[in-house]
Amino acid sequence: MKARVSQILFIALFTLLLAGNISAKGAGVVATSSFENEHETALEVENWMVNDNYWIYPANTIILEAEAENELFLEGWMTNETFWVSNDTETENEQEMNLEPWMYNANYWKGD
């Protein structure tokens, strides 16, 4: 408990010291890319954007623009038990790891 309180106090002190050292003054020259220099065109508000009738649907309104989904069905291979059984039951044995002379020879590992 005591350690957690001291950690919180340390983090708070560090944050205050860090925030106190930041200076937002100055108008130096900054190199920017061409992407940052682009200016956006003014936005135009169109009638449909502010029309309440467009955005508020009454409860009895039927939306006719429903996306039709394809019908799903099971194919024979999906339920065939022999399709999902693996015939490869043989496990591969790994070779024993051997040390080769270059692995422990000091001459190979000396820095030039």
Protein backbone atom coordinates (compact mmCIF):
# COMPACT_ATOMS: atom_id res chain seq x y z
CA MET A 1 0.00 0.00 0.00
CA LYS A 2 2.79 2.36 0.94
CA ALA A 3 4.67 1.58 -2.26
CA ARG A 4 1.61 2.26 -4.42
CA VAL A 5 1.02 5.66 -2.78
CA SER A 6 4.67 6.61 -3.27
CA GLN A 7 4.50 5.53 -6.92
CA ILE A 8 1.41 7.65 -7.50
CA LEU A 9 3.06 10.65 -5.85
CA PHE A 10 6.22 10.15 -7.90
CA ILE A 11 4.24 9.98 -11.16
CA ALA A 12 2.26 13.09 -10.23
CA LEU A 13 5.44 15.01 -9.38
CA PHE A 14 7.12 13.85 -12.60
CA THR A 15 4.07 14.91 -14.63
CA LEU A 16 4.05 18.37 -13.01
CA LEU A 17 7.76 18.84 -13.63
CA LEU A 18 7.41 17.72 -17.23
CA ALA A 19 4.42 19.98 -17.84
CA GLY A 20 6.22 22.91 -16.21
CA ASN A 21 9.19 22.63 -18.58
CA ILE A 22 7.13 22.83 -21.76
CA SER A 23 7.28 26.15 -23.54
CA ALA A 24 4.77 27.01 -26.25
CA LYS A 25 6.32 30.38 -27.09
CA GLY A 26 8.25 31.19 -30.18
CA ALA A 27 7.60 31.54 -33.88
CA GLY A 28 10.39 29.62 -35.52
CA VAL A 29 10.58 28.44 -39.08
CA VAL A 30 9.29 24.91 -39.43
CA ALA A 31 9.71 22.78 -42.53
CA THR A 32 6.46 21.14 -43.56
CA SER A 33 5.51 18.75 -46.28
CA SER A 34 3.25 19.61 -49.17
CA PHE A 35 0.44 17.65 -47.55
CA GLU A 36 0.30 20.07 -44.63
CA ASN A 37 0.15 23.10 -46.90
CA GLU A 38 -3.01 22.06 -48.71
CA HIS A 39 -6.08 24.15 -48.05
CA GLU A 40 -9.50 22.58 -47.89
CA THR A 41 -12.38 24.07 -49.80
CA ALA A 42 -15.19 25.67 -47.87
CA LEU A 43 -17.94 23.30 -46.81
CA GLU A 44 -21.35 23.77 -48.35
CA VAL A 45 -24.46 22.94 -46.36
CA GLU A 46 -27.08 21.44 -48.61
CA ASN A 47 -30.81 21.34 -47.93
CA TRP A 48 -30.98 17.60 -47.25
CA MET A 49 -28.32 17.95 -44.55
CA VAL A 50 -30.50 20.14 -42.36
CA ASN A 51 -33.92 18.81 -43.35
CA ASP A 52 -35.55 17.06 -40.36
CA ASN A 53 -37.81 15.01 -42.61
CA TYR A 54 -34.76 13.36 -44.14
CA TRP A 55 -33.22 12.31 -40.82
CA ILE A 56 -36.22 11.52 -38.62
CA TYR A 57 -38.21 8.47 -39.70
CA PRO A 58 -41.68 7.91 -38.26
CA ALA A 59 -42.18 4.58 -36.51
CA ASN A 60 -44.50 3.27 -39.24
CA THR A 61 -42.09 4.02 -42.13
CA ILE A 62 -40.91 0.98 -44.04
CA ILE A 63 -37.38 1.19 -45.35
CA LEU A 64 -37.34 -0.48 -48.74
CA GLU A 65 -33.57 -0.48 -49.14
CA ALA A 66 -32.85 -3.69 -47.25
CA GLU A 67 -29.80 -5.58 -48.42
CA ALA A 68 -30.69 -9.02 -49.71
CA GLU A 69 -28.48 -11.77 -48.33
CA ASN A 70 -27.69 -14.97 -50.14
CA GLU A 71 -29.40 -18.08 -48.89
CA LEU A 72 -27.11 -20.34 -46.89
CA PHE A 73 -27.20 -24.10 -47.31
CA LEU A 74 -25.16 -27.10 -46.29
CA GLU A 75 -23.22 -28.98 -48.91
CA GLY A 76 -22.34 -32.65 -48.71
CA TRP A 77 -18.65 -32.13 -47.90
CA MET A 78 -19.55 -29.91 -44.93
CA THR A 79 -21.28 -32.77 -43.11
CA ASN A 80 -19.15 -35.65 -44.42
CA GLU A 81 -17.26 -37.11 -41.46
CA THR A 82 -14.55 -38.67 -43.61
CA PHE A 83 -13.70 -35.27 -45.08
CA TRP A 84 -12.74 -33.85 -41.70
CA VAL A 85 -10.70 -36.84 -40.47
CA SER A 86 -6.97 -36.48 -41.04
CA ASN A 87 -5.29 -39.51 -42.60
CA ASP A 88 -1.85 -38.22 -41.66
CA THR A 89 -1.46 -39.69 -38.20
CA GLU A 90 2.29 -40.23 -38.49
CA THR A 91 4.31 -37.85 -36.33
CA GLU A 92 7.67 -36.64 -37.45
CA ASN A 93 10.55 -37.32 -35.09
CA GLU A 94 13.07 -34.58 -34.64
CA GLN A 95 16.75 -35.31 -34.95
CA GLU A 96 18.96 -35.08 -31.91
CA MET A 97 20.74 -31.76 -31.62
CA ASN A 98 24.50 -32.18 -31.85
CA LEU A 99 27.22 -29.66 -31.10
CA GLU A 100 29.51 -28.98 -34.01
CA PRO A 101 33.10 -27.74 -33.58
CA TRP A 102 32.38 -24.22 -34.84
CA MET A 103 29.76 -23.79 -32.12
CA TYR A 104 32.25 -24.05 -29.24
CA ASN A 105 35.56 -23.14 -30.87
CA ALA A 106 36.75 -19.80 -29.43
CA ASN A 107 38.47 -18.85 -32.70
CA TYR A 108 35.12 -18.55 -34.47
CA TRP A 109 33.71 -16.17 -31.87
CA LYS A 110 36.60 -13.74 -31.43
CA GLY A 111 35.87 -10.19 -32.48
CA ASP A 112 38.19 -8.70 -35.09
